[in-house]
Amino acid sequence: MENPDGGADMIHLTPQARSELREDEVLVFDWHRVAICCACAGEVSLRRAPRSTVERRATYRPLTSDGGDRVFAHRMAVPHLARRDVTVDYRRSFGVRRFRSDLPPDFGLRAVLGRAGG
């Protein structure tokens, strides 16, 4: 993927996110439908998943990341992530490992309505 300004699109993992992602895990930008009538209406979420599960499914596409081949996206989320640089960070809250992106919470819906802006 290529940005209009010439820079390569990439998912950036903070050093903390890179170190906390286990060897057998990948990060997945998943797609959740929010409307029955329109397949493109949905929300993008970020989760971790076993590498073997994600690589077996044709639904997920690898994304360019500075963490190597550690980030995938659902095929419906890929167009919404195009021409974007996204940073993923890691925080532990109440003993739970959480990976978070710098995308707005309503990113998927905003992208569908043409308001996601680059």
PDB file of N, CA and C in Angstrom:
ATOM      1  N   MET A   1       0.846  -1.173   0.000  1.00  0.00           N
ATOM      2  CA  MET A   1       0.000   0.000   0.000  1.00  0.00           C
ATOM      3  C   MET A   1       0.886   1.228   0.000  1.00  0.00           C
ATOM      4  N   GLU A   2       0.381   2.300  -0.573  1.00  0.00           N
ATOM      5  CA  GLU A   2       1.184   3.506  -0.682  1.00  0.00           C
ATOM      6  C   GLU A   2       0.352   4.727  -0.342  1.00  0.00           C
ATOM      7  N   ASN A   3       0.857   5.604   0.488  1.00  0.00           N
ATOM      8  CA  ASN A   3       0.194   6.854   0.820  1.00  0.00           C
ATOM      9  C   ASN A   3       0.289   7.802  -0.358  1.00  0.00           C
ATOM     10  N   PRO A   4      -0.669   8.736  -0.515  1.00  0.00           N
ATOM     11  CA  PRO A   4      -0.579   9.723  -1.596  1.00  0.00           C
ATOM     12  C   PRO A   4       0.676  10.578  -1.489  1.00  0.00           C
ATOM     13  N   ASP A   5       1.184  10.792  -0.271  1.00  0.00           N
ATOM     14  CA  ASP A   5       2.381  11.620  -0.103  1.00  0.00           C
ATOM     15  C   ASP A   5       3.667  10.829  -0.315  1.00  0.00           C
ATOM     16  N   GLY A   6       3.535   9.561  -0.743  1.00  0.00           N
ATOM     17  CA  GLY A   6       4.713   8.778  -1.068  1.00  0.00           C
ATOM     18  C   GLY A   6       5.192   7.850   0.026  1.00  0.00           C
ATOM     19  N   GLY A   7       4.699   8.007   1.254  1.00  0.00           N
ATOM     20  CA  GLY A   7       5.131   7.146   2.348  1.00  0.00           C
ATOM     21  C   GLY A   7       4.379   5.829   2.352  1.00  0.00           C
ATOM     22  N   ALA A   8       5.007   4.786   2.842  1.00  0.00           N
ATOM     23  CA  ALA A   8       4.351   3.475   2.893  1.00  0.00           C
ATOM     24  C   ALA A   8       3.415   3.410   4.084  1.00  0.00           C
ATOM     25  N   ASP A   9       2.211   2.827   3.871  1.00  0.00           N
ATOM     26  CA  ASP A   9       1.284   2.593   4.971  1.00  0.00           C
ATOM     27  C   ASP A   9       1.864   1.516   5.852  1.00  0.00           C
ATOM     28  N   MET A  10       1.669   1.672   7.141  1.00  0.00           N
ATOM     29  CA  MET A  10       2.230   0.671   8.021  1.00  0.00           C
ATOM     30  C   MET A  10       1.493   0.687   9.345  1.00  0.00           C
ATOM     31  N   ILE A  11       1.430  -0.493   9.944  1.00  0.00           N
ATOM     32  CA  ILE A  11       0.948  -0.622  11.305  1.00  0.00           C
ATOM     33  C   ILE A  11       2.195  -0.587  12.181  1.00  0.00           C
ATOM     34  N   HIS A  12       2.273   0.397  13.046  1.00  0.00           N
ATOM     35  CA  HIS A  12       3.432   0.558  13.924  1.00  0.00           C
ATOM     36  C   HIS A  12       3.120  -0.071  15.273  1.00  0.00           C
ATOM     37  N   LEU A  13       3.983  -0.945  15.738  1.00  0.00           N
ATOM     38  CA  LEU A  13       3.850  -1.533  17.063  1.00  0.00           C
ATOM     39  C   LEU A  13       4.834  -0.831  17.983  1.00  0.00           C
ATOM     40  N   THR A  14       4.347  -0.355  19.117  1.00  0.00           N
ATOM     41  CA  THR A  14       5.260   0.249  20.085  1.00  0.00           C
ATOM     42  C   THR A  14       6.180  -0.848  20.610  1.00  0.00           C
ATOM     43  N   PRO A  15       7.327  -0.497  21.157  1.00  0.00           N
ATOM     44  CA  PRO A  15       8.225  -1.522  21.712  1.00  0.00           C
ATOM     45  C   PRO A  15       7.517  -2.406  22.745  1.00  0.00           C
ATOM     46  N   GLN A  16       6.670  -1.805  23.569  1.00  0.00           N
ATOM     47  CA  GLN A  16       5.925  -2.570  24.573  1.00  0.00           C
ATOM     48  C   GLN A  16       4.990  -3.579  23.900  1.00  0.00           C
ATOM     49  N   ALA A  17       4.272  -3.161  22.848  1.00  0.00           N
ATOM     50  CA  ALA A  17       3.360  -4.066  22.142  1.00  0.00           C
ATOM     51  C   ALA A  17       4.131  -5.210  21.498  1.00  0.00           C
ATOM     52  N   ARG A  18       5.278  -4.892  20.894  1.00  0.00           N
ATOM     53  CA  ARG A  18       6.088  -5.937  20.265  1.00  0.00           C
ATOM     54  C   ARG A  18       6.571  -6.962  21.279  1.00  0.00           C
ATOM     55  N   SER A  19       6.997  -6.498  22.434  1.00  0.00           N
ATOM     56  CA  SER A  19       7.551  -7.422  23.425  1.00  0.00           C
ATOM     57  C   SER A  19       6.468  -8.250  24.124  1.00  0.00           C
ATOM     58  N   GLU A  20       5.253  -7.733  24.218  1.00  0.00           N
ATOM     59  CA  GLU A  20       4.184  -8.446  24.922  1.00  0.00           C
ATOM     60  C   GLU A  20       3.381  -9.392  24.022  1.00  0.00           C
ATOM     61  N   LEU A  21       3.540  -9.274  22.715  1.00  0.00           N
ATOM     62  CA  LEU A  21       2.859 -10.183  21.795  1.00  0.00           C
ATOM     63  C   LEU A  21       3.627 -11.499  21.770  1.00  0.00           C
ATOM     64  N   ARG A  22       2.965 -12.557  22.144  1.00  0.00           N
ATOM     65  CA  ARG A  22       3.630 -13.861  22.236  1.00  0.00           C
ATOM     66  C   ARG A  22       4.003 -14.388  20.860  1.00  0.00           C
ATOM     67  N   GLU A  23       4.964 -15.293  20.834  1.00  0.00           N
ATOM     68  CA  GLU A  23       5.487 -15.838  19.573  1.00  0.00           C
ATOM     69  C   GLU A  23       4.404 -16.489  18.717  1.00  0.00           C
ATOM     70  N   ASP A  24       3.422 -17.137  19.355  1.00  0.00           N
ATOM     71  CA  ASP A  24       2.369 -17.840  18.613  1.00  0.00           C
ATOM     72  C   ASP A  24       1.118 -16.985  18.417  1.00  0.00           C
ATOM     73  N   GLU A  25       1.207 -15.664  18.637  1.00  0.00           N
ATOM     74  CA  GLU A  25       0.065 -14.765  18.495  1.00  0.00           C
ATOM     75  C   GLU A  25       0.287 -13.739  17.390  1.00  0.00           C
ATOM     76  N   VAL A  26      -0.833 -13.277  16.849  1.00  0.00           N
ATOM     77  CA  VAL A  26      -0.830 -12.160  15.907  1.00  0.00           C
ATOM     78  C   VAL A  26      -1.906 -11.179  16.339  1.00  0.00           C
ATOM     79  N   LEU A  27      -1.831  -9.961  15.840  1.00  0.00           N
ATOM     80  CA  LEU A  27      -2.875  -8.972  16.072  1.00  0.00           C
ATOM     81  C   LEU A  27      -3.796  -8.955  14.869  1.00  0.00           C
ATOM     82  N   VAL A  28      -5.093  -8.841  15.117  1.00  0.00           N
ATOM     83  CA  VAL A  28      -6.085  -8.884  14.045  1.00  0.00           C
ATOM     84  C   VAL A  28      -7.008  -7.674  14.149  1.00  0.00           C
ATOM     85  N   PHE A  29      -7.089  -6.905  13.065  1.00  0.00           N
ATOM     86  CA  PHE A  29      -8.116  -5.877  12.942  1.00  0.00           C
ATOM     87  C   PHE A  29      -9.330  -6.594  12.375  1.00  0.00           C
ATOM     88  N   ASP A  30     -10.318  -6.812  13.223  1.00  0.00           N
ATOM     89  CA  ASP A  30     -11.484  -7.600  12.823  1.00  0.00           C
ATOM     90  C   ASP A  30     -12.622  -6.692  12.394  1.00  0.00           C
ATOM     91  N   TRP A  31     -13.597  -7.270  11.725  1.00  0.00           N
ATOM     92  CA  TRP A  31     -14.740  -6.538  11.194  1.00  0.00           C
ATOM     93  C   TRP A  31     -16.011  -7.100  11.810  1.00  0.00           C
ATOM     94  N   HIS A  32     -16.859  -6.219  12.319  1.00  0.00           N
ATOM     95  CA  HIS A  32     -18.130  -6.620  12.914  1.00  0.00           C
ATOM     96  C   HIS A  32     -19.234  -5.854  12.212  1.00  0.00           C
ATOM     97  N   ARG A  33     -20.156  -6.558  11.583  1.00  0.00           N
ATOM     98  CA  ARG A  33     -21.275  -5.904  10.911  1.00  0.00           C
ATOM     99  C   ARG A  33     -22.174  -5.225  11.923  1.00  0.00           C
ATOM    100  N   VAL A  34     -22.636  -4.022  11.583  1.00  0.00           N
ATOM    101  CA  VAL A  34     -23.565  -3.311  12.457  1.00  0.00           C
ATOM    102  C   VAL A  34     -24.913  -3.088  11.785  1.00  0.00           C
ATOM    103  N   ALA A  35     -25.067  -3.578  10.551  1.00  0.00           N
ATOM    104  CA  ALA A  35     -26.345  -3.438   9.841  1.00  0.00           C
ATOM    105  C   ALA A  35     -26.600  -4.691   9.014  1.00  0.00           C
ATOM    106  N   ILE A  36     -27.830  -5.098   8.972  1.00  0.00           N
ATOM    107  CA  ILE A  36     -28.203  -6.281   8.192  1.00  0.00           C
ATOM    108  C   ILE A  36     -28.281  -5.947   6.706  1.00  0.00           C
ATOM    109  N   CYS A  37     -28.734  -4.752   6.390  1.00  0.00           N
ATOM    110  CA  CYS A  37     -28.997  -4.395   4.995  1.00  0.00           C
ATOM    111  C   CYS A  37     -27.744  -3.983   4.217  1.00  0.00           C
ATOM    112  N   CYS A  38     -26.682  -3.638   4.895  1.00  0.00           N
ATOM    113  CA  CYS A  38     -25.517  -3.098   4.205  1.00  0.00           C
ATOM    114  C   CYS A  38     -24.255  -3.803   4.688  1.00  0.00           C
ATOM    115  N   ALA A  39     -23.656  -4.594   3.837  1.00  0.00           N
ATOM    116  CA  ALA A  39     -22.475  -5.376   4.227  1.00  0.00           C
ATOM    117  C   ALA A  39     -21.285  -4.494   4.582  1.00  0.00           C
ATOM    118  N   CYS A  40     -21.257  -3.258   4.044  1.00  0.00           N
ATOM    119  CA  CYS A  40     -20.100  -2.397   4.308  1.00  0.00           C
ATOM    120  C   CYS A  40     -20.241  -1.607   5.598  1.00  0.00           C
ATOM    121  N   ALA A  41     -21.386  -1.695   6.273  1.00  0.00           N
ATOM    122  CA  ALA A  41     -21.563  -0.985   7.541  1.00  0.00           C
ATOM    123  C   ALA A  41     -21.039  -1.857   8.671  1.00  0.00           C
ATOM    124  N   GLY A  42     -19.961  -1.418   9.285  1.00  0.00           N
ATOM    125  CA  GLY A  42     -19.376  -2.231  10.331  1.00  0.00           C
ATOM    126  C   GLY A  42     -18.415  -1.460  11.193  1.00  0.00           C
ATOM    127  N   GLU A  43     -17.901  -2.142  12.185  1.00  0.00           N
ATOM    128  CA  GLU A  43     -16.934  -1.575  13.116  1.00  0.00           C
ATOM    129  C   GLU A  43     -15.646  -2.376  13.053  1.00  0.00           C
ATOM    130  N   VAL A  44     -14.538  -1.702  13.207  1.00  0.00           N
ATOM    131  CA  VAL A  44     -13.228  -2.338  13.231  1.00  0.00           C
ATOM    132  C   VAL A  44     -12.794  -2.466  14.685  1.00  0.00           C
ATOM    133  N   SER A  45     -12.370  -3.653  15.077  1.00  0.00           N
ATOM    134  CA  SER A  45     -11.838  -3.851  16.422  1.00  0.00           C
ATOM    135  C   SER A  45     -10.466  -4.499  16.318  1.00  0.00           C
ATOM    136  N   LEU A  46      -9.719  -4.415  17.391  1.00  0.00           N
ATOM    137  CA  LEU A  46      -8.384  -5.004  17.429  1.00  0.00           C
ATOM    138  C   LEU A  46      -8.371  -6.095  18.492  1.00  0.00           C
ATOM    139  N   ARG A  47      -7.855  -7.262  18.136  1.00  0.00           N
ATOM    140  CA  ARG A  47      -7.760  -8.370  19.083  1.00  0.00           C
ATOM    141  C   ARG A  47      -6.501  -9.165  18.790  1.00  0.00           C
ATOM    142  N   ARG A  48      -6.100  -9.968  19.744  1.00  0.00           N
ATOM    143  CA  ARG A  48      -4.993 -10.891  19.506  1.00  0.00           C
ATOM    144  C   ARG A  48      -5.594 -12.258  19.260  1.00  0.00           C
ATOM    145  N   ALA A  49      -4.901 -13.077  18.474  1.00  0.00           N
ATOM    146  CA  ALA A  49      -5.416 -14.397  18.111  1.00  0.00           C
ATOM    147  C   ALA A  49      -4.238 -15.335  17.872  1.00  0.00           C
ATOM    148  N   PRO A  50      -4.494 -16.637  17.971  1.00  0.00           N
ATOM    149  CA  PRO A  50      -3.437 -17.603  17.650  1.00  0.00           C
ATOM    150  C   PRO A  50      -3.055 -17.501  16.174  1.00  0.00           C
ATOM    151  N   ARG A  51      -1.768 -17.454  15.899  1.00  0.00           N
ATOM    152  CA  ARG A  51      -1.284 -17.337  14.520  1.00  0.00           C
ATOM    153  C   ARG A  51      -1.854 -18.441  13.622  1.00  0.00           C
ATOM    154  N   SER A  52      -1.871 -19.677  14.129  1.00  0.00           N
ATOM    155  CA  SER A  52      -2.320 -20.811  13.305  1.00  0.00           C
ATOM    156  C   SER A  52      -3.774 -20.647  12.868  1.00  0.00           C
ATOM    157  N   THR A  53      -4.623 -20.092  13.709  1.00  0.00           N
ATOM    158  CA  THR A  53      -6.032 -19.897  13.372  1.00  0.00           C
ATOM    159  C   THR A  53      -6.194 -18.857  12.278  1.00  0.00           C
ATOM    160  N   VAL A  54      -5.481 -17.748  12.393  1.00  0.00           N
ATOM    161  CA  VAL A  54      -5.611 -16.647  11.443  1.00  0.00           C
ATOM    162  C   VAL A  54      -5.014 -17.016  10.091  1.00  0.00           C
ATOM    163  N   GLU A  55      -3.862 -17.637  10.081  1.00  0.00           N
ATOM    164  CA  GLU A  55      -3.201 -17.973   8.811  1.00  0.00           C
ATOM    165  C   GLU A  55      -3.982 -19.008   8.002  1.00  0.00           C
ATOM    166  N   ARG A  56      -4.779 -19.822   8.662  1.00  0.00           N
ATOM    167  CA  ARG A  56      -5.569 -20.846   7.952  1.00  0.00           C
ATOM    168  C   ARG A  56      -6.788 -20.280   7.246  1.00  0.00           C
ATOM    169  N   ARG A  57      -7.248 -19.105   7.658  1.00  0.00           N
ATOM    170  CA  ARG A  57      -8.491 -18.550   7.131  1.00  0.00           C
ATOM    171  C   ARG A  57      -8.222 -17.547   6.016  1.00  0.00           C
ATOM    172  N   ALA A  58      -8.912 -17.726   4.913  1.00  0.00           N
ATOM    173  CA  ALA A  58      -8.753 -16.825   3.766  1.00  0.00           C
ATOM    174  C   ALA A  58      -9.385 -15.457   4.020  1.00  0.00           C
ATOM    175  N   THR A  59     -10.146 -15.328   5.073  1.00  0.00           N
ATOM    176  CA  THR A  59     -10.813 -14.076   5.420  1.00  0.00           C
ATOM    177  C   THR A  59      -9.829 -12.990   5.838  1.00  0.00           C
ATOM    178  N   TYR A  60      -8.668 -13.381   6.339  1.00  0.00           N
ATOM    179  CA  TYR A  60      -7.711 -12.420   6.880  1.00  0.00           C
ATOM    180  C   TYR A  60      -6.552 -12.189   5.917  1.00  0.00           C
ATOM    181  N   ARG A  61      -6.153 -10.918   5.816  1.00  0.00           N
ATOM    182  CA  ARG A  61      -5.048 -10.520   4.948  1.00  0.00           C
ATOM    183  C   ARG A  61      -3.904  -9.965   5.810  1.00  0.00           C
ATOM    184  N   PRO A  62      -2.663 -10.285   5.475  1.00  0.00           N
ATOM    185  CA  PRO A  62      -1.540  -9.708   6.229  1.00  0.00           C
ATOM    186  C   PRO A  62      -1.401  -8.211   5.916  1.00  0.00           C
ATOM    187  N   LEU A  63      -1.036  -7.439   6.904  1.00  0.00           N
ATOM    188  CA  LEU A  63      -0.785  -6.009   6.727  1.00  0.00           C
ATOM    189  C   LEU A  63       0.698  -5.732   6.933  1.00  0.00           C
ATOM    190  N   THR A  64       1.181  -4.685   6.303  1.00  0.00           N
ATOM    191  CA  THR A  64       2.562  -4.272   6.481  1.00  0.00           C
ATOM    192  C   THR A  64       2.718  -3.695   7.881  1.00  0.00           C
ATOM    193  N   SER A  65       3.674  -4.236   8.621  1.00  0.00           N
ATOM    194  CA  SER A  65       3.901  -3.713   9.969  1.00  0.00           C
ATOM    195  C   SER A  65       5.389  -3.747  10.282  1.00  0.00           C
ATOM    196  N   ASP A  66       5.768  -2.893  11.222  1.00  0.00           N
ATOM    197  CA  ASP A  66       7.170  -2.901  11.636  1.00  0.00           C
ATOM    198  C   ASP A  66       7.440  -4.038  12.613  1.00  0.00           C
ATOM    199  N   GLY A  67       6.415  -4.845  12.885  1.00  0.00           N
ATOM    200  CA  GLY A  67       6.576  -6.016  13.732  1.00  0.00           C
ATOM    201  C   GLY A  67       6.718  -7.284  12.910  1.00  0.00           C
ATOM    202  N   GLY A  68       6.979  -7.142  11.617  1.00  0.00           N
ATOM    203  CA  GLY A  68       7.092  -8.307  10.742  1.00  0.00           C
ATOM    204  C   GLY A  68       5.711  -8.769  10.290  1.00  0.00           C
ATOM    205  N   ASP A  69       5.514 -10.066  10.277  1.00  0.00           N
ATOM    206  CA  ASP A  69       4.237 -10.624   9.811  1.00  0.00           C
ATOM    207  C   ASP A  69       3.311 -10.900  10.992  1.00  0.00           C
ATOM    208  N   ARG A  70       3.147  -9.938  11.860  1.00  0.00           N
ATOM    209  CA  ARG A  70       2.401 -10.121  13.106  1.00  0.00           C
ATOM    210  C   ARG A  70       1.033  -9.451  13.107  1.00  0.00           C
ATOM    211  N   VAL A  71       0.641  -8.768  12.004  1.00  0.00           N
ATOM    212  CA  VAL A  71      -0.623  -8.038  11.975  1.00  0.00           C
ATOM    213  C   VAL A  71      -1.429  -8.444  10.752  1.00  0.00           C
ATOM    214  N   PHE A  72      -2.709  -8.752  10.987  1.00  0.00           N
ATOM    215  CA  PHE A  72      -3.635  -9.141   9.929  1.00  0.00           C
ATOM    216  C   PHE A  72      -4.894  -8.300  10.033  1.00  0.00           C
ATOM    217  N   ALA A  73      -5.688  -8.275   8.950  1.00  0.00           N
ATOM    218  CA  ALA A  73      -6.973  -7.584   8.962  1.00  0.00           C
ATOM    219  C   ALA A  73      -8.001  -8.418   8.223  1.00  0.00           C
ATOM    220  N   HIS A  74      -9.231  -8.356   8.696  1.00  0.00           N
ATOM    221  CA  HIS A  74     -10.350  -8.986   7.996  1.00  0.00           C
ATOM    222  C   HIS A  74     -10.459  -8.312   6.631  1.00  0.00           C
ATOM    223  N   ARG A  75     -10.836  -9.049   5.621  1.00  0.00           N
ATOM    224  CA  ARG A  75     -10.874  -8.491   4.256  1.00  0.00           C
ATOM    225  C   ARG A  75     -11.794  -7.282   4.139  1.00  0.00           C
ATOM    226  N   MET A  76     -12.854  -7.200   4.980  1.00  0.00           N
ATOM    227  CA  MET A  76     -13.747  -6.037   4.945  1.00  0.00           C
ATOM    228  C   MET A  76     -13.120  -4.815   5.634  1.00  0.00           C
ATOM    229  N   ALA A  77     -12.161  -5.033   6.509  1.00  0.00           N
ATOM    230  CA  ALA A  77     -11.509  -3.920   7.210  1.00  0.00           C
ATOM    231  C   ALA A  77     -10.340  -3.347   6.420  1.00  0.00           C
ATOM    232  N   VAL A  78      -9.769  -4.136   5.515  1.00  0.00           N
ATOM    233  CA  VAL A  78      -8.576  -3.705   4.772  1.00  0.00           C
ATOM    234  C   VAL A  78      -8.787  -2.377   4.042  1.00  0.00           C
ATOM    235  N   PRO A  79      -9.896  -2.184   3.295  1.00  0.00           N
ATOM    236  CA  PRO A  79     -10.052  -0.893   2.599  1.00  0.00           C
ATOM    237  C   PRO A  79     -10.117   0.302   3.552  1.00  0.00           C
ATOM    238  N   HIS A  80     -10.646   0.094   4.748  1.00  0.00           N
ATOM    239  CA  HIS A  80     -10.766   1.188   5.709  1.00  0.00           C
ATOM    240  C   HIS A  80      -9.415   1.534   6.344  1.00  0.00           C
ATOM    241  N   LEU A  81      -8.491   0.596   6.322  1.00  0.00           N
ATOM    242  CA  LEU A  81      -7.161   0.833   6.880  1.00  0.00           C
ATOM    243  C   LEU A  81      -6.173   1.309   5.823  1.00  0.00           C
ATOM    244  N   ALA A  82      -6.574   1.264   4.549  1.00  0.00           N
ATOM    245  CA  ALA A  82      -5.689   1.680   3.453  1.00  0.00           C
ATOM    246  C   ALA A  82      -5.344   3.160   3.591  1.00  0.00           C
ATOM    247  N   ARG A  83      -4.151   3.516   3.187  1.00  0.00           N
ATOM    248  CA  ARG A  83      -3.642   4.893   3.229  1.00  0.00           C
ATOM    249  C   ARG A  83      -3.604   5.455   4.647  1.00  0.00           C
ATOM    250  N   ARG A  84      -3.335   4.587   5.627  1.00  0.00           N
ATOM    251  CA  ARG A  84      -3.258   5.017   7.031  1.00  0.00           C
ATOM    252  C   ARG A  84      -2.022   4.451   7.691  1.00  0.00           C
ATOM    253  N   ASP A  85      -1.462   5.220   8.572  1.00  0.00           N
ATOM    254  CA  ASP A  85      -0.449   4.729   9.488  1.00  0.00           C
ATOM    255  C   ASP A  85      -1.150   4.597  10.835  1.00  0.00           C
ATOM    256  N   VAL A  86      -1.103   3.418  11.408  1.00  0.00           N
ATOM    257  CA  VAL A  86      -1.794   3.132  12.661  1.00  0.00           C
ATOM    258  C   VAL A  86      -0.762   2.671  13.688  1.00  0.00           C
ATOM    259  N   THR A  87      -0.871   3.180  14.895  1.00  0.00           N
ATOM    260  CA  THR A  87       0.028   2.763  15.976  1.00  0.00           C
ATOM    261  C   THR A  87      -0.740   1.880  16.946  1.00  0.00           C
ATOM    262  N   VAL A  88      -0.131   0.752  17.312  1.00  0.00           N
ATOM    263  CA  VAL A  88      -0.717  -0.173  18.280  1.00  0.00           C
ATOM    264  C   VAL A  88       0.149  -0.153  19.531  1.00  0.00           C
ATOM    265  N   ASP A  89      -0.504   0.040  20.667  1.00  0.00           N
ATOM    266  CA  ASP A  89       0.190   0.079  21.949  1.00  0.00           C
ATOM    267  C   ASP A  89      -0.348  -1.027  22.850  1.00  0.00           C
ATOM    268  N   TYR A  90       0.343  -1.268  23.940  1.00  0.00           N
ATOM    269  CA  TYR A  90      -0.025  -2.328  24.881  1.00  0.00           C
ATOM    270  C   TYR A  90      -0.163  -1.739  26.281  1.00  0.00           C
ATOM    271  N   ARG A  91      -1.192  -2.179  26.978  1.00  0.00           N
ATOM    272  CA  ARG A  91      -1.380  -1.833  28.386  1.00  0.00           C
ATOM    273  C   ARG A  91      -1.936  -3.051  29.106  1.00  0.00           C
ATOM    274  N   ARG A  92      -1.525  -3.235  30.331  1.00  0.00           N
ATOM    275  CA  ARG A  92      -2.095  -4.294  31.167  1.00  0.00           C
ATOM    276  C   ARG A  92      -3.017  -3.609  32.167  1.00  0.00           C
ATOM    277  N   SER A  93      -4.297  -4.022  32.186  1.00  0.00           N
ATOM    278  CA  SER A  93      -5.279  -3.463  33.112  1.00  0.00           C
ATOM    279  C   SER A  93      -5.910  -4.587  33.916  1.00  0.00           C
ATOM    280  N   PHE A  94      -5.787  -4.508  35.210  1.00  0.00           N
ATOM    281  CA  PHE A  94      -6.371  -5.512  36.098  1.00  0.00           C
ATOM    282  C   PHE A  94      -5.953  -6.927  35.700  1.00  0.00           C
ATOM    283  N   GLY A  95      -4.698  -7.076  35.267  1.00  0.00           N
ATOM    284  CA  GLY A  95      -4.169  -8.382  34.905  1.00  0.00           C
ATOM    285  C   GLY A  95      -4.513  -8.849  33.505  1.00  0.00           C
ATOM    286  N   VAL A  96      -5.240  -8.041  32.743  1.00  0.00           N
ATOM    287  CA  VAL A  96      -5.649  -8.417  31.383  1.00  0.00           C
ATOM    288  C   VAL A  96      -4.742  -7.713  30.377  1.00  0.00           C
ATOM    289  N   ARG A  97      -4.214  -8.471  29.418  1.00  0.00           N
ATOM    290  CA  ARG A  97      -3.385  -7.888  28.357  1.00  0.00           C
ATOM    291  C   ARG A  97      -4.289  -7.224  27.332  1.00  0.00           C
ATOM    292  N   ARG A  98      -4.031  -5.952  27.042  1.00  0.00           N
ATOM    293  CA  ARG A  98      -4.849  -5.206  26.077  1.00  0.00           C
ATOM    294  C   ARG A  98      -3.956  -4.517  25.050  1.00  0.00           C
ATOM    295  N   PHE A  99      -4.274  -4.750  23.796  1.00  0.00           N
ATOM    296  CA  PHE A  99      -3.611  -4.060  22.697  1.00  0.00           C
ATOM    297  C   PHE A  99      -4.623  -3.063  22.149  1.00  0.00           C
ATOM    298  N   ARG A 100      -4.179  -1.813  21.977  1.00  0.00           N
ATOM    299  CA  ARG A 100      -5.083  -0.764  21.498  1.00  0.00           C
ATOM    300  C   ARG A 100      -4.433   0.001  20.359  1.00  0.00           C
ATOM    301  N   SER A 101      -5.271   0.404  19.416  1.00  0.00           N
ATOM    302  CA  SER A 101      -4.774   1.208  18.293  1.00  0.00           C
ATOM    303  C   SER A 101      -5.146   2.667  18.524  1.00  0.00           C
ATOM    304  N   ASP A 102      -4.557   3.541  17.720  1.00  0.00           N
ATOM    305  CA  ASP A 102      -4.879   4.960  17.822  1.00  0.00           C
ATOM    306  C   ASP A 102      -6.023   5.363  16.891  1.00  0.00           C
ATOM    307  N   LEU A 103      -6.764   4.370  16.370  1.00  0.00           N
ATOM    308  CA  LEU A 103      -7.953   4.669  15.573  1.00  0.00           C
ATOM    309  C   LEU A 103      -9.058   5.167  16.499  1.00  0.00           C
ATOM    310  N   PRO A 104      -9.909   6.086  16.029  1.00  0.00           N
ATOM    311  CA  PRO A 104     -11.016   6.548  16.870  1.00  0.00           C
ATOM    312  C   PRO A 104     -11.966   5.393  17.195  1.00  0.00           C
ATOM    313  N   PRO A 105     -12.660   5.439  18.324  1.00  0.00           N
ATOM    314  CA  PRO A 105     -13.559   4.339  18.708  1.00  0.00           C
ATOM    315  C   PRO A 105     -14.665   4.066  17.687  1.00  0.00           C
ATOM    316  N   ASP A 106     -15.113   5.092  16.966  1.00  0.00           N
ATOM    317  CA  ASP A 106     -16.172   4.902  15.972  1.00  0.00           C
ATOM    318  C   ASP A 106     -15.600   4.841  14.552  1.00  0.00           C
ATOM    319  N   PHE A 107     -14.363   4.372  14.439  1.00  0.00           N
ATOM    320  CA  PHE A 107     -13.647   4.401  13.164  1.00  0.00           C
ATOM    321  C   PHE A 107     -14.390   3.701  12.031  1.00  0.00           C
ATOM    322  N   GLY A 108     -14.884   2.476  12.222  1.00  0.00           N
ATOM    323  CA  GLY A 108     -15.541   1.730  11.149  1.00  0.00           C
ATOM    324  C   GLY A 108     -16.749   2.440  10.600  1.00  0.00           C
ATOM    325  N   LEU A 109     -17.602   2.928  11.486  1.00  0.00           N
ATOM    326  CA  LEU A 109     -18.801   3.624  11.063  1.00  0.00           C
ATOM    327  C   LEU A 109     -18.458   4.935  10.370  1.00  0.00           C
ATOM    328  N   ARG A 110     -17.465   5.653  10.894  1.00  0.00           N
ATOM    329  CA  ARG A 110     -17.053   6.912  10.259  1.00  0.00           C
ATOM    330  C   ARG A 110     -16.511   6.646   8.871  1.00  0.00           C
ATOM    331  N   ALA A 111     -15.773   5.544   8.680  1.00  0.00           N
ATOM    332  CA  ALA A 111     -15.212   5.216   7.368  1.00  0.00           C
ATOM    333  C   ALA A 111     -16.322   4.939   6.366  1.00  0.00           C
ATOM    334  N   VAL A 112     -17.363   4.223   6.792  1.00  0.00           N
ATOM    335  CA  VAL A 112     -18.480   3.892   5.918  1.00  0.00           C
ATOM    336  C   VAL A 112     -19.220   5.159   5.494  1.00  0.00           C
ATOM    337  N   LEU A 113     -19.348   6.108   6.407  1.00  0.00           N
ATOM    338  CA  LEU A 113     -20.069   7.347   6.107  1.00  0.00           C
ATOM    339  C   LEU A 113     -19.193   8.383   5.426  1.00  0.00           C
ATOM    340  N   GLY A 114     -17.950   8.021   5.119  1.00  0.00           N
ATOM    341  CA  GLY A 114     -17.069   8.936   4.408  1.00  0.00           C
ATOM    342  C   GLY A 114     -16.461  10.008   5.296  1.00  0.00           C
ATOM    343  N   ARG A 115     -16.437   9.807   6.612  1.00  0.00           N
ATOM    344  CA  ARG A 115     -15.937  10.824   7.532  1.00  0.00           C
ATOM    345  C   ARG A 115     -14.621  10.413   8.196  1.00  0.00           C
ATOM    346  N   ALA A 116     -14.007   9.336   7.759  1.00  0.00           N
ATOM    347  CA  ALA A 116     -12.813   8.858   8.449  1.00  0.00           C
ATOM    348  C   ALA A 116     -11.579   9.677   8.143  1.00  0.00           C
ATOM    349  N   GLY A 117     -11.579  10.422   7.062  1.00  0.00           N
ATOM    350  CA  GLY A 117     -10.468  11.290   6.726  1.00  0.00           C
ATOM    351  C   GLY A 117      -9.085  10.764   7.029  1.00  0.00           C
ATOM    352  N   GLY A 118      -8.117  11.066   6.221  1.00  0.00           N
ATOM    353  CA  GLY A 118      -6.761  10.570   6.408  1.00  0.00           C
ATOM    354  C   GLY A 118      -5.995  11.444   7.263  1.00  0.00           C
TER     355      GLY A 118
END
